[in-house]
């Protein structure tokens, strides 16, 4: 009896270890499925990949710092195609890495990366980069698909200039603090050496530039912890950076109000400083509010009125046509009756 009890305890410990270790893995293999309550954690425990839910009706797959108790996503896979059901999962299909729930069809976010054999895997790195690999070759990576956050190692600019895979690398803000949908503000490397923050209505403001040797911010950063590099050749033109101090991890994000956020992580403590580069120039003017009112209210109302007028005209034409055909018949019948 004691032997049986000891064996049961050992089996429970083994199963618990297996389950816990599977949750803490940094890699999802072909044939495996990551459920909504499971995550992938990078080998050094720096970044975590999982599902997050800003509300009960909206779900997303994202990456955040493992030590961030607020779990602020630095990357979102499906920002413009949210999950409508809490029962989400991540897995491979023949088209690549996909996410799905019980309501939506599978959403492929690793575009152009087909999973053709069992050697395909997805791995979250300590840099925060999610990579899709097959046979030791990287097919796709999240660092090539920026959202609102600029992490060390990411590129801001243009890559693959001379071939069909031309790609512009720029940031797009969240719609609001709690809505990761693509917003109205962006950051990009516009001129050969100038970085600007811009709004969809055409307004823009310089936030920094490359002077030939160093990158100069128009605002004063909290830390002097950035080794910025400018790369220019026939295939690429971009800015990238790394942290000078390995004990301090810092990065930037574009907030929904147009401010540049500088995040600083020392140990397990994360602080943030917001830099305003445009004051209130991102605010919607009264003229723009009137234009938005026209677009959202007056234009649909005008369309409805025109459709109603068209419908009434068609109805009138139909009745008029029937009246025209019936009148000769009535006149003929009346004339015959008069003769009798």
C-alpha atoms as a PDB file:
ATOM      1  CA  UNK A   1       0.000   0.000   0.000  1.00  0.00           C
ATOM      2  CA  UNK A   2       2.824   2.389   0.899  1.00  0.00           C
ATOM      3  CA  UNK A   3       4.578   1.550  -2.361  1.00  0.00           C
ATOM      4  CA  UNK A   4       1.408   2.314  -4.321  1.00  0.00           C
ATOM      5  CA  UNK A   5       0.941   5.620  -2.494  1.00  0.00           C
ATOM      6  CA  UNK A   6       4.572   6.605  -3.107  1.00  0.00           C
ATOM      7  CA  UNK A   7       4.224   5.761  -6.792  1.00  0.00           C
ATOM      8  CA  UNK A   8       1.089   7.929  -7.010  1.00  0.00           C
ATOM      9  CA  UNK A   9       2.876  10.867  -5.390  1.00  0.00           C
ATOM     10  CA  UNK A  10       5.837  10.465  -7.768  1.00  0.00           C
ATOM     11  CA  UNK A  11       3.494  10.338 -10.765  1.00  0.00           C
ATOM     12  CA  UNK A  12       1.705  13.519  -9.662  1.00  0.00           C
ATOM     13  CA  UNK A  13       5.018  15.315  -9.180  1.00  0.00           C
ATOM     14  CA  UNK A  14       6.211  14.173 -12.601  1.00  0.00           C
ATOM     15  CA  UNK A  15       3.001  15.263 -14.328  1.00  0.00           C
ATOM     16  CA  UNK A  16       3.069  18.614 -12.547  1.00  0.00           C
ATOM     17  CA  UNK A  17       6.673  19.162 -13.610  1.00  0.00           C
ATOM     18  CA  UNK A  18       5.874  18.206 -17.194  1.00  0.00           C
ATOM     19  CA  UNK A  19       2.834  20.484 -17.417  1.00  0.00           C
ATOM     20  CA  UNK A  20       4.579  23.430 -15.751  1.00  0.00           C
ATOM     21  CA  UNK A  21       7.672  23.059 -17.918  1.00  0.00           C
ATOM     22  CA  UNK A  22       5.525  22.851 -21.056  1.00  0.00           C
ATOM     23  CA  UNK A  23       3.881  26.170 -20.136  1.00  0.00           C
ATOM     24  CA  UNK A  24       7.296  27.767 -19.598  1.00  0.00           C
ATOM     25  CA  UNK A  25       8.685  26.703 -22.974  1.00  0.00           C
ATOM     26  CA  UNK A  26       9.974  29.316 -25.419  1.00  0.00           C
ATOM     27  CA  UNK A  27       9.016  27.271 -28.504  1.00  0.00           C
ATOM     28  CA  UNK A  28       5.793  26.070 -30.114  1.00  0.00           C
ATOM     29  CA  UNK A  29       6.380  23.062 -32.354  1.00  0.00           C
ATOM     30  CA  UNK A  30       4.407  21.983 -35.400  1.00  0.00           C
ATOM     31  CA  UNK A  31       1.440  19.939 -34.189  1.00  0.00           C
ATOM     32  CA  UNK A  32       1.252  21.682 -30.805  1.00  0.00           C
ATOM     33  CA  UNK A  33      -1.440  24.151 -29.773  1.00  0.00           C
ATOM     34  CA  UNK A  34      -1.111  26.996 -27.250  1.00  0.00           C
ATOM     35  CA  UNK A  35      -4.396  27.705 -25.470  1.00  0.00           C
ATOM     36  CA  UNK A  36      -5.621  31.026 -24.057  1.00  0.00           C
ATOM     37  CA  UNK A  37      -4.264  30.417 -20.526  1.00  0.00           C
ATOM     38  CA  UNK A  38      -0.838  29.241 -21.719  1.00  0.00           C
ATOM     39  CA  UNK A  39       2.196  31.314 -22.703  1.00  0.00           C
ATOM     40  CA  UNK A  40       5.621  31.026 -24.261  1.00  0.00           C
ATOM     41  CA  UNK A  41       8.475  32.505 -22.198  1.00  0.00           C
ATOM     42  CA  UNK A  42      11.847  33.381 -23.716  1.00  0.00           C
ATOM     43  CA  UNK A  43      14.821  31.310 -22.600  1.00  0.00           C
ATOM     44  CA  UNK A  44      16.164  34.007 -20.270  1.00  0.00           C
ATOM     45  CA  UNK A  45      12.719  34.840 -18.889  1.00  0.00           C
ATOM     46  CA  UNK A  46      12.722  38.326 -20.438  1.00  0.00           C
ATOM     47  CA  UNK A  47       9.664  38.263 -22.713  1.00  0.00           C
ATOM     48  CA  UNK A  48       6.365  36.403 -22.689  1.00  0.00           C
ATOM     49  CA  UNK A  49       3.957  35.591 -25.527  1.00  0.00           C
ATOM     50  CA  UNK A  50       0.291  35.007 -24.798  1.00  0.00           C
ATOM     51  CA  UNK A  51      -3.292  36.137 -25.183  1.00  0.00           C
ATOM     52  CA  UNK A  52      -4.615  39.253 -23.483  1.00  0.00           C
ATOM     53  CA  UNK A  53      -8.134  40.649 -23.225  1.00  0.00           C
ATOM     54  CA  UNK A  54      -8.707  44.414 -22.816  1.00  0.00           C
ATOM     55  CA  UNK A  55     -12.426  43.573 -22.554  1.00  0.00           C
ATOM     56  CA  UNK A  56     -14.603  40.466 -22.436  1.00  0.00           C
ATOM     57  CA  UNK A  57     -15.423  40.748 -26.138  1.00  0.00           C
ATOM     58  CA  UNK A  58     -11.935  41.515 -27.501  1.00  0.00           C
ATOM     59  CA  UNK A  59      -8.903  39.256 -27.498  1.00  0.00           C
ATOM     60  CA  UNK A  60      -5.390  39.623 -28.907  1.00  0.00           C
ATOM     61  CA  UNK A  61      -2.114  37.738 -29.125  1.00  0.00           C
ATOM     62  CA  UNK A  62       0.730  39.850 -27.808  1.00  0.00           C
ATOM     63  CA  UNK A  63       4.235  40.015 -26.364  1.00  0.00           C
ATOM     64  CA  UNK A  64       5.111  41.765 -23.096  1.00  0.00           C
ATOM     65  CA  UNK A  65       7.994  41.973 -20.607  1.00  0.00           C
ATOM     66  CA  UNK A  66       7.811  39.037 -18.204  1.00  0.00           C
ATOM     67  CA  UNK A  67       8.568  41.338 -15.244  1.00  0.00           C
ATOM     68  CA  UNK A  68       5.894  43.868 -16.188  1.00  0.00           C
ATOM     69  CA  UNK A  69       3.041  43.376 -13.731  1.00  0.00           C
ATOM     70  CA  UNK A  70       0.787  45.473 -16.004  1.00  0.00           C
ATOM     71  CA  UNK A  71       1.589  43.234 -18.985  1.00  0.00           C
ATOM     72  CA  UNK A  72       1.782  46.173 -21.392  1.00  0.00           C
ATOM     73  CA  UNK A  73       2.097  44.623 -24.878  1.00  0.00           C
ATOM     74  CA  UNK A  74       5.108  45.695 -26.939  1.00  0.00           C
ATOM     75  CA  UNK A  75       3.790  43.830 -29.973  1.00  0.00           C
ATOM     76  CA  UNK A  76       0.344  42.638 -31.093  1.00  0.00           C
ATOM     77  CA  UNK A  77      -0.219  40.012 -33.787  1.00  0.00           C
ATOM     78  CA  UNK A  78      -3.859  40.715 -34.662  1.00  0.00           C
ATOM     79  CA  UNK A  79      -4.374  44.367 -33.742  1.00  0.00           C
ATOM     80  CA  UNK A  80      -6.896  44.956 -36.542  1.00  0.00           C
ATOM     81  CA  UNK A  81      -8.572  41.537 -36.408  1.00  0.00           C
ATOM     82  CA  UNK A  82      -9.511  40.979 -32.779  1.00  0.00           C
ATOM     83  CA  UNK A  83     -10.732  37.679 -31.401  1.00  0.00           C
ATOM     84  CA  UNK A  84     -14.415  37.688 -30.465  1.00  0.00           C
ATOM     85  CA  UNK A  85     -14.357  34.636 -28.212  1.00  0.00           C
ATOM     86  CA  UNK A  86     -12.251  33.924 -25.094  1.00  0.00           C
ATOM     87  CA  UNK A  87     -11.461  30.373 -26.250  1.00  0.00           C
ATOM     88  CA  UNK A  88      -8.475  31.333 -28.415  1.00  0.00           C
ATOM     89  CA  UNK A  89      -5.529  29.206 -29.498  1.00  0.00           C
ATOM     90  CA  UNK A  90      -2.253  29.479 -31.409  1.00  0.00           C
ATOM     91  CA  UNK A  91      -1.125  26.730 -33.773  1.00  0.00           C
ATOM     92  CA  UNK A  92       0.263  25.913 -37.226  1.00  0.00           C
ATOM     93  CA  UNK A  93      -1.699  25.183 -40.365  1.00  0.00           C
ATOM     94  CA  UNK A  94      -0.355  24.727 -43.925  1.00  0.00           C
ATOM     95  CA  UNK A  95      -0.289  28.519 -44.401  1.00  0.00           C
ATOM     96  CA  UNK A  96       1.818  29.340 -41.361  1.00  0.00           C
ATOM     97  CA  UNK A  97       1.272  30.408 -37.767  1.00  0.00           C
ATOM     98  CA  UNK A  98      -2.371  31.191 -37.031  1.00  0.00           C
ATOM     99  CA  UNK A  99      -4.683  32.199 -34.214  1.00  0.00           C
ATOM    100  CA  UNK A 100      -8.370  31.430 -33.999  1.00  0.00           C
ATOM    101  CA  UNK A 101     -11.357  31.252 -31.689  1.00  0.00           C
ATOM    102  CA  UNK A 102     -14.745  29.544 -31.799  1.00  0.00           C
ATOM    103  CA  UNK A 103     -16.327  32.322 -33.873  1.00  0.00           C
ATOM    104  CA  UNK A 104     -13.698  33.437 -36.360  1.00  0.00           C
ATOM    105  CA  UNK A 105     -11.945  31.545 -39.120  1.00  0.00           C
ATOM    106  CA  UNK A 106      -8.176  31.072 -38.538  1.00  0.00           C
ATOM    107  CA  UNK A 107      -6.228  34.331 -38.857  1.00  0.00           C
ATOM    108  CA  UNK A 108      -2.763  33.911 -40.398  1.00  0.00           C
ATOM    109  CA  UNK A 109      -0.465  36.647 -39.093  1.00  0.00           C
ATOM    110  CA  UNK A 110       2.867  35.162 -40.257  1.00  0.00           C
ATOM    111  CA  UNK A 111       2.283  36.104 -43.897  1.00  0.00           C
ATOM    112  CA  UNK A 112       4.356  34.349 -46.550  1.00  0.00           C
ATOM    113  CA  UNK A 113       5.667  31.713 -44.162  1.00  0.00           C
ATOM    114  CA  UNK A 114       4.180  28.328 -45.001  1.00  0.00           C
ATOM    115  CA  UNK A 115       4.481  25.464 -42.534  1.00  0.00           C
ATOM    116  CA  UNK A 116       5.148  22.541 -44.855  1.00  0.00           C
ATOM    117  CA  UNK A 117       6.736  19.988 -42.524  1.00  0.00           C
ATOM    118  CA  UNK A 118       7.155  18.966 -38.883  1.00  0.00           C
ATOM    119  CA  UNK A 119      10.420  20.889 -38.496  1.00  0.00           C
ATOM    120  CA  UNK A 120       8.500  24.188 -38.409  1.00  0.00           C
ATOM    121  CA  UNK A 121       8.524  25.964 -35.041  1.00  0.00           C
ATOM    122  CA  UNK A 122       7.809  29.352 -33.490  1.00  0.00           C
ATOM    123  CA  UNK A 123      10.118  30.723 -30.800  1.00  0.00           C
ATOM    124  CA  UNK A 124      10.105  33.812 -28.609  1.00  0.00           C
ATOM    125  CA  UNK A 125      13.605  35.257 -28.083  1.00  0.00           C
ATOM    126  CA  UNK A 126      15.046  37.296 -25.212  1.00  0.00           C
ATOM    127  CA  UNK A 127      15.076  40.276 -27.611  1.00  0.00           C
ATOM    128  CA  UNK A 128      11.277  40.148 -27.811  1.00  0.00           C
ATOM    129  CA  UNK A 129      11.393  38.878 -31.385  1.00  0.00           C
ATOM    130  CA  UNK A 130       8.989  36.085 -32.325  1.00  0.00           C
ATOM    131  CA  UNK A 131      10.522  34.015 -35.111  1.00  0.00           C
ATOM    132  CA  UNK A 132       9.064  31.309 -37.327  1.00  0.00           C
ATOM    133  CA  UNK A 133      11.692  28.766 -38.340  1.00  0.00           C
ATOM    134  CA  UNK A 134      11.896  25.742 -40.585  1.00  0.00           C
ATOM    135  CA  UNK A 135      14.971  23.580 -40.863  1.00  0.00           C
ATOM    136  CA  UNK A 136      17.160  26.227 -39.192  1.00  0.00           C
ATOM    137  CA  UNK A 137      15.984  28.961 -41.574  1.00  0.00           C
ATOM    138  CA  UNK A 138      14.024  31.994 -40.361  1.00  0.00           C
ATOM    139  CA  UNK A 139      10.876  32.337 -42.493  1.00  0.00           C
ATOM    140  CA  UNK A 140       9.225  35.219 -40.654  1.00  0.00           C
ATOM    141  CA  UNK A 141       9.820  37.446 -37.614  1.00  0.00           C
ATOM    142  CA  UNK A 142       7.773  39.926 -35.620  1.00  0.00           C
ATOM    143  CA  UNK A 143      10.615  42.495 -35.755  1.00  0.00           C
ATOM    144  CA  UNK A 144       9.724  42.970 -39.428  1.00  0.00           C
ATOM    145  CA  UNK A 145       6.140  43.850 -38.510  1.00  0.00           C
ATOM    146  CA  UNK A 146       6.248  46.829 -36.150  1.00  0.00           C
ATOM    147  CA  UNK A 147       3.261  47.991 -34.117  1.00  0.00           C
ATOM    148  CA  UNK A 148       3.640  50.968 -31.759  1.00  0.00           C
ATOM    149  CA  UNK A 149       6.835  49.990 -29.909  1.00  0.00           C
ATOM    150  CA  UNK A 150      10.484  50.366 -30.931  1.00  0.00           C
ATOM    151  CA  UNK A 151      12.583  47.769 -29.109  1.00  0.00           C
ATOM    152  CA  UNK A 152      16.387  47.467 -29.232  1.00  0.00           C
ATOM    153  CA  UNK A 153      17.262  45.559 -32.401  1.00  0.00           C
ATOM    154  CA  UNK A 154      14.214  46.679 -34.385  1.00  0.00           C
ATOM    155  CA  UNK A 155      14.625  48.672 -37.603  1.00  0.00           C
ATOM    156  CA  UNK A 156      12.953  51.949 -38.564  1.00  0.00           C
ATOM    157  CA  UNK A 157      13.178  52.670 -42.290  1.00  0.00           C
ATOM    158  CA  UNK A 158      13.091  50.707 -45.544  1.00  0.00           C
ATOM    159  CA  UNK A 159      14.444  47.218 -46.317  1.00  0.00           C
ATOM    160  CA  UNK A 160      14.643  45.033 -49.456  1.00  0.00           C
ATOM    161  CA  UNK A 161      14.702  48.131 -51.679  1.00  0.00           C
ATOM    162  CA  UNK A 162      15.688  46.459 -54.952  1.00  0.00           C
ATOM    163  CA  UNK A 163      13.409  43.407 -54.917  1.00  0.00           C
ATOM    164  CA  UNK A 164       9.748  42.490 -54.728  1.00  0.00           C
ATOM    165  CA  UNK A 165       9.895  42.200 -50.919  1.00  0.00           C
ATOM    166  CA  UNK A 166      10.213  45.983 -50.424  1.00  0.00           C
ATOM    167  CA  UNK A 167       9.061  46.785 -46.897  1.00  0.00           C
ATOM    168  CA  UNK A 168       8.575  50.031 -45.002  1.00  0.00           C
ATOM    169  CA  UNK A 169       9.218  49.757 -41.259  1.00  0.00           C
ATOM    170  CA  UNK A 170       7.315  52.340 -39.205  1.00  0.00           C
ATOM    171  CA  UNK A 171       5.278  52.636 -36.006  1.00  0.00           C
ATOM    172  CA  UNK A 172       1.516  53.132 -35.769  1.00  0.00           C
ATOM    173  CA  UNK A 173      -0.017  54.122 -32.450  1.00  0.00           C
ATOM    174  CA  UNK A 174      -2.842  52.356 -30.671  1.00  0.00           C
ATOM    175  CA  UNK A 175      -6.349  53.791 -31.247  1.00  0.00           C
ATOM    176  CA  UNK A 176      -6.566  54.529 -27.516  1.00  0.00           C
ATOM    177  CA  UNK A 177      -4.889  53.477 -24.272  1.00  0.00           C
ATOM    178  CA  UNK A 178      -7.004  50.300 -24.109  1.00  0.00           C
ATOM    179  CA  UNK A 179      -7.531  49.684 -27.827  1.00  0.00           C
ATOM    180  CA  UNK A 180      -4.586  48.249 -29.838  1.00  0.00           C
ATOM    181  CA  UNK A 181      -6.383  48.821 -33.146  1.00  0.00           C
ATOM    182  CA  UNK A 182      -4.287  50.880 -35.575  1.00  0.00           C
ATOM    183  CA  UNK A 183      -4.511  54.546 -34.564  1.00  0.00           C
ATOM    184  CA  UNK A 184      -4.024  57.837 -36.375  1.00  0.00           C
ATOM    185  CA  UNK A 185      -0.383  58.610 -35.526  1.00  0.00           C
ATOM    186  CA  UNK A 186       2.854  57.181 -36.883  1.00  0.00           C
ATOM    187  CA  UNK A 187       6.626  57.423 -36.628  1.00  0.00           C
ATOM    188  CA  UNK A 188       8.867  56.848 -39.627  1.00  0.00           C
ATOM    189  CA  UNK A 189      12.239  57.611 -41.169  1.00  0.00           C
ATOM    190  CA  UNK A 190      10.997  60.099 -43.774  1.00  0.00           C
ATOM    191  CA  UNK A 191      14.004  61.860 -45.255  1.00  0.00           C
ATOM    192  CA  UNK A 192      17.323  59.993 -45.514  1.00  0.00           C
ATOM    193  CA  UNK A 193      18.219  60.982 -41.953  1.00  0.00           C
ATOM    194  CA  UNK A 194      15.134  62.524 -40.300  1.00  0.00           C
ATOM    195  CA  UNK A 195      12.615  60.769 -38.044  1.00  0.00           C
ATOM    196  CA  UNK A 196       9.160  62.332 -37.757  1.00  0.00           C
ATOM    197  CA  UNK A 197       5.929  61.666 -35.922  1.00  0.00           C
ATOM    198  CA  UNK A 198       2.920  62.300 -38.123  1.00  0.00           C
ATOM    199  CA  UNK A 199      -0.835  62.202 -38.121  1.00  0.00           C
ATOM    200  CA  UNK A 200      -3.180  60.836 -40.787  1.00  0.00           C
ATOM    201  CA  UNK A 201      -4.353  64.374 -41.629  1.00  0.00           C
ATOM    202  CA  UNK A 202      -0.853  65.318 -42.829  1.00  0.00           C
ATOM    203  CA  UNK A 203       0.499  67.087 -39.741  1.00  0.00           C
ATOM    204  CA  UNK A 204       4.030  66.045 -38.800  1.00  0.00           C
ATOM    205  CA  UNK A 205       6.782  66.955 -36.354  1.00  0.00           C
ATOM    206  CA  UNK A 206      10.457  66.073 -36.288  1.00  0.00           C
ATOM    207  CA  UNK A 207      11.548  64.035 -33.266  1.00  0.00           C
ATOM    208  CA  UNK A 208      15.167  63.419 -34.204  1.00  0.00           C
ATOM    209  CA  UNK A 209      17.793  63.197 -36.933  1.00  0.00           C
ATOM    210  CA  UNK A 210      21.092  61.513 -37.802  1.00  0.00           C
ATOM    211  CA  UNK A 211      23.883  64.105 -37.943  1.00  0.00           C
ATOM    212  CA  UNK A 212      26.356  61.809 -39.691  1.00  0.00           C
ATOM    213  CA  UNK A 213      27.840  60.415 -36.494  1.00  0.00           C
ATOM    214  CA  UNK A 214      25.102  60.299 -33.853  1.00  0.00           C
ATOM    215  CA  UNK A 215      21.345  60.423 -33.580  1.00  0.00           C
ATOM    216  CA  UNK A 216      20.004  63.637 -32.039  1.00  0.00           C
ATOM    217  CA  UNK A 217      16.622  63.719 -30.298  1.00  0.00           C
ATOM    218  CA  UNK A 218      14.729  67.018 -30.255  1.00  0.00           C
ATOM    219  CA  UNK A 219      13.803  66.201 -26.644  1.00  0.00           C
ATOM    220  CA  UNK A 220      16.065  65.202 -23.772  1.00  0.00           C
ATOM    221  CA  UNK A 221      15.929  61.485 -23.077  1.00  0.00           C
ATOM    222  CA  UNK A 222      15.828  60.272 -19.501  1.00  0.00           C
ATOM    223  CA  UNK A 223      18.901  58.099 -20.051  1.00  0.00           C
ATOM    224  CA  UNK A 224      21.986  58.235 -22.236  1.00  0.00           C
ATOM    225  CA  UNK A 225      21.642  54.524 -22.837  1.00  0.00           C
ATOM    226  CA  UNK A 226      21.266  54.270 -26.602  1.00  0.00           C
ATOM    227  CA  UNK A 227      23.782  53.180 -29.217  1.00  0.00           C
ATOM    228  CA  UNK A 228      22.013  54.286 -32.401  1.00  0.00           C
ATOM    229  CA  UNK A 229      23.233  53.071 -35.795  1.00  0.00           C
ATOM    230  CA  UNK A 230      22.292  54.358 -39.228  1.00  0.00           C
ATOM    231  CA  UNK A 231      22.539  51.854 -42.084  1.00  0.00           C
ATOM    232  CA  UNK A 232      22.469  52.986 -45.717  1.00  0.00           C
ATOM    233  CA  UNK A 233      23.190  50.819 -48.746  1.00  0.00           C
ATOM    234  CA  UNK A 234      21.544  49.746 -51.993  1.00  0.00           C
ATOM    235  CA  UNK A 235      19.260  47.293 -50.181  1.00  0.00           C
ATOM    236  CA  UNK A 236      18.425  49.036 -46.895  1.00  0.00           C
ATOM    237  CA  UNK A 237      18.032  52.397 -45.221  1.00  0.00           C
ATOM    238  CA  UNK A 238      17.160  52.262 -41.543  1.00  0.00           C
ATOM    239  CA  UNK A 239      17.905  53.251 -37.956  1.00  0.00           C
ATOM    240  CA  UNK A 240      18.404  50.726 -35.182  1.00  0.00           C
ATOM    241  CA  UNK A 241      19.797  50.842 -31.663  1.00  0.00           C
ATOM    242  CA  UNK A 242      20.982  48.843 -28.673  1.00  0.00           C
ATOM    243  CA  UNK A 243      21.312  49.586 -24.944  1.00  0.00           C
ATOM    244  CA  UNK A 244      24.720  50.694 -23.676  1.00  0.00           C
ATOM    245  CA  UNK A 245      24.175  49.354 -20.167  1.00  0.00           C
ATOM    246  CA  UNK A 246      23.312  45.652 -20.086  1.00  0.00           C
ATOM    247  CA  UNK A 247      21.807  46.108 -16.604  1.00  0.00           C
ATOM    248  CA  UNK A 248      19.285  48.653 -17.852  1.00  0.00           C
ATOM    249  CA  UNK A 249      16.735  47.765 -20.520  1.00  0.00           C
ATOM    250  CA  UNK A 250      15.083  50.781 -22.165  1.00  0.00           C
ATOM    251  CA  UNK A 251      12.871  51.243 -25.205  1.00  0.00           C
ATOM    252  CA  UNK A 252      10.408  53.641 -26.886  1.00  0.00           C
ATOM    253  CA  UNK A 253       6.715  53.577 -27.782  1.00  0.00           C
ATOM    254  CA  UNK A 254       4.359  55.926 -29.634  1.00  0.00           C
ATOM    255  CA  UNK A 255       1.359  56.742 -27.423  1.00  0.00           C
ATOM    256  CA  UNK A 256      -2.143  57.272 -28.818  1.00  0.00           C
ATOM    257  CA  UNK A 257      -1.899  61.003 -27.939  1.00  0.00           C
ATOM    258  CA  UNK A 258       1.288  61.494 -29.986  1.00  0.00           C
ATOM    259  CA  UNK A 259       3.752  61.496 -27.105  1.00  0.00           C
ATOM    260  CA  UNK A 260       6.967  59.480 -27.267  1.00  0.00           C
ATOM    261  CA  UNK A 261       7.155  57.182 -24.254  1.00  0.00           C
ATOM    262  CA  UNK A 262      10.561  56.166 -22.933  1.00  0.00           C
ATOM    263  CA  UNK A 263      10.391  52.981 -20.847  1.00  0.00           C
ATOM    264  CA  UNK A 264      13.186  52.043 -18.453  1.00  0.00           C
ATOM    265  CA  UNK A 265      13.488  48.674 -16.715  1.00  0.00           C
ATOM    266  CA  UNK A 266      16.030  48.188 -13.922  1.00  0.00           C
ATOM    267  CA  UNK A 267      15.734  44.782 -12.321  1.00  0.00           C
ATOM    268  CA  UNK A 268      11.993  44.176 -12.000  1.00  0.00           C
ATOM    269  CA  UNK A 269      11.043  47.847 -11.776  1.00  0.00           C
ATOM    270  CA  UNK A 270       9.701  49.589 -14.873  1.00  0.00           C
ATOM    271  CA  UNK A 271       9.283  53.371 -15.145  1.00  0.00           C
ATOM    272  CA  UNK A 272       8.082  55.508 -18.032  1.00  0.00           C
ATOM    273  CA  UNK A 273       8.708  59.103 -19.124  1.00  0.00           C
ATOM    274  CA  UNK A 274       6.454  60.768 -21.718  1.00  0.00           C
ATOM    275  CA  UNK A 275       8.038  63.266 -24.109  1.00  0.00           C
ATOM    276  CA  UNK A 276       5.739  65.783 -25.795  1.00  0.00           C
ATOM    277  CA  UNK A 277       7.114  66.803 -29.194  1.00  0.00           C
ATOM    278  CA  UNK A 278       4.140  68.718 -30.523  1.00  0.00           C
ATOM    279  CA  UNK A 279       2.230  70.153 -27.583  1.00  0.00           C
ATOM    280  CA  UNK A 280      -1.440  70.335 -28.536  1.00  0.00           C
ATOM    281  CA  UNK A 281      -0.880  70.199 -32.300  1.00  0.00           C
ATOM    282  CA  UNK A 282      -2.360  66.680 -32.423  1.00  0.00           C
ATOM    283  CA  UNK A 283      -5.659  67.928 -31.006  1.00  0.00           C
ATOM    284  CA  UNK A 284      -8.578  67.946 -33.408  1.00  0.00           C
ATOM    285  CA  UNK A 285      -9.453  71.522 -34.442  1.00  0.00           C
ATOM    286  CA  UNK A 286     -13.021  72.838 -34.619  1.00  0.00           C
ATOM    287  CA  UNK A 287     -12.829  72.762 -38.410  1.00  0.00           C
ATOM    288  CA  UNK A 288     -11.755  69.110 -38.347  1.00  0.00           C
ATOM    289  CA  UNK A 289     -14.554  68.306 -35.902  1.00  0.00           C
ATOM    290  CA  UNK A 290     -17.041  69.823 -38.357  1.00  0.00           C
ATOM    291  CA  UNK A 291     -15.492  67.781 -41.160  1.00  0.00           C
ATOM    292  CA  UNK A 292     -15.757  64.618 -39.066  1.00  0.00           C
ATOM    293  CA  UNK A 293     -19.394  65.492 -38.362  1.00  0.00           C
ATOM    294  CA  UNK A 294     -20.012  65.797 -42.096  1.00  0.00           C
ATOM    295  CA  UNK A 295     -18.324  62.493 -42.798  1.00  0.00           C
ATOM    296  CA  UNK A 296     -20.014  60.579 -39.976  1.00  0.00           C
ATOM    297  CA  UNK A 297     -23.495  62.136 -39.922  1.00  0.00           C
ATOM    298  CA  UNK A 298     -24.330  64.435 -42.835  1.00  0.00           C
ATOM    299  CA  UNK A 299     -22.883  62.229 -45.578  1.00  0.00           C
ATOM    300  CA  UNK A 300     -24.788  59.052 -44.540  1.00  0.00           C
ATOM    301  CA  UNK A 301     -27.964  61.098 -44.068  1.00  0.00           C
ATOM    302  CA  UNK A 302     -27.586  62.634 -47.517  1.00  0.00           C
ATOM    303  CA  UNK A 303     -27.054  59.200 -49.024  1.00  0.00           C
ATOM    304  CA  UNK A 304     -30.207  57.930 -47.323  1.00  0.00           C
ATOM    305  CA  UNK A 305     -32.259  60.861 -48.648  1.00  0.00           C
ATOM    306  CA  UNK A 306     -30.982  60.319 -52.197  1.00  0.00           C
ATOM    307  CA  UNK A 307     -31.837  56.616 -52.026  1.00  0.00           C
ATOM    308  CA  UNK A 308     -35.303  57.455 -50.724  1.00  0.00           C
ATOM    309  CA  UNK A 309     -35.868  59.965 -53.562  1.00  0.00           C
ATOM    310  CA  UNK A 310     -34.700  57.408 -56.112  1.00  0.00           C
ATOM    311  CA  UNK A 311     -37.019  54.783 -54.639  1.00  0.00           C
ATOM    312  CA  UNK A 312     -40.018  57.147 -54.758  1.00  0.00           C
ATOM    313  CA  UNK A 313     -39.176  58.119 -58.344  1.00  0.00           C
ATOM    314  CA  UNK A 314     -39.028  54.477 -59.449  1.00  0.00           C
ATOM    315  CA  UNK A 315     -42.316  53.794 -57.665  1.00  0.00           C
ATOM    316  CA  UNK A 316     -43.925  56.791 -59.371  1.00  0.00           C
ATOM    317  CA  UNK A 317     -42.638  55.739 -62.795  1.00  0.00           C
ATOM    318  CA  UNK A 318     -44.029  52.258 -62.257  1.00  0.00           C
ATOM    319  CA  UNK A 319     -47.476  53.534 -61.324  1.00  0.00           C
ATOM    320  CA  UNK A 320     -47.419  56.065 -64.192  1.00  0.00           C
ATOM    321  CA  UNK A 321     -46.557  53.308 -66.666  1.00  0.00           C
ATOM    322  CA  UNK A 322     -49.441  51.151 -65.420  1.00  0.00           C
ATOM    323  CA  UNK A 323     -51.782  54.138 -65.656  1.00  0.00           C
ATOM    324  CA  UNK A 324     -50.740  54.876 -69.252  1.00  0.00           C
ATOM    325  CA  UNK A 325     -51.391  51.289 -70.335  1.00  0.00           C
ATOM    326  CA  UNK A 326     -54.765  51.070 -68.569  1.00  0.00           C
ATOM    327  CA  UNK A 327     -56.202  54.362 -69.869  1.00  0.00           C
ATOM    328  CA  UNK A 328     -56.653  53.349 -73.605  1.00  0.00           C
ATOM    329  CA  UNK A 329     -58.319  50.122 -72.464  1.00  0.00           C
ATOM    330  CA  UNK A 330     -60.791  52.031 -70.300  1.00  0.00           C
ATOM    331  CA  UNK A 331     -61.505  54.550 -73.074  1.00  0.00           C
ATOM    332  CA  UNK A 332     -62.074  51.738 -75.612  1.00  0.00           C
ATOM    333  CA  UNK A 333     -64.388  49.883 -73.264  1.00  0.00           C
ATOM    334  CA  UNK A 334     -66.342  53.054 -72.512  1.00  0.00           C
ATOM    335  CA  UNK A 335     -66.740  53.897 -76.227  1.00  0.00           C
ATOM    336  CA  UNK A 336     -68.075  50.400 -77.000  1.00  0.00           C
ATOM    337  CA  UNK A 337     -70.513  50.706 -74.131  1.00  0.00           C
ATOM    338  CA  UNK A 338     -71.729  54.057 -75.507  1.00  0.00           C
ATOM    339  CA  UNK A 339     -72.458  52.519 -78.921  1.00  0.00           C
ATOM    340  CA  UNK A 340     -74.627  49.860 -77.360  1.00  0.00           C
END
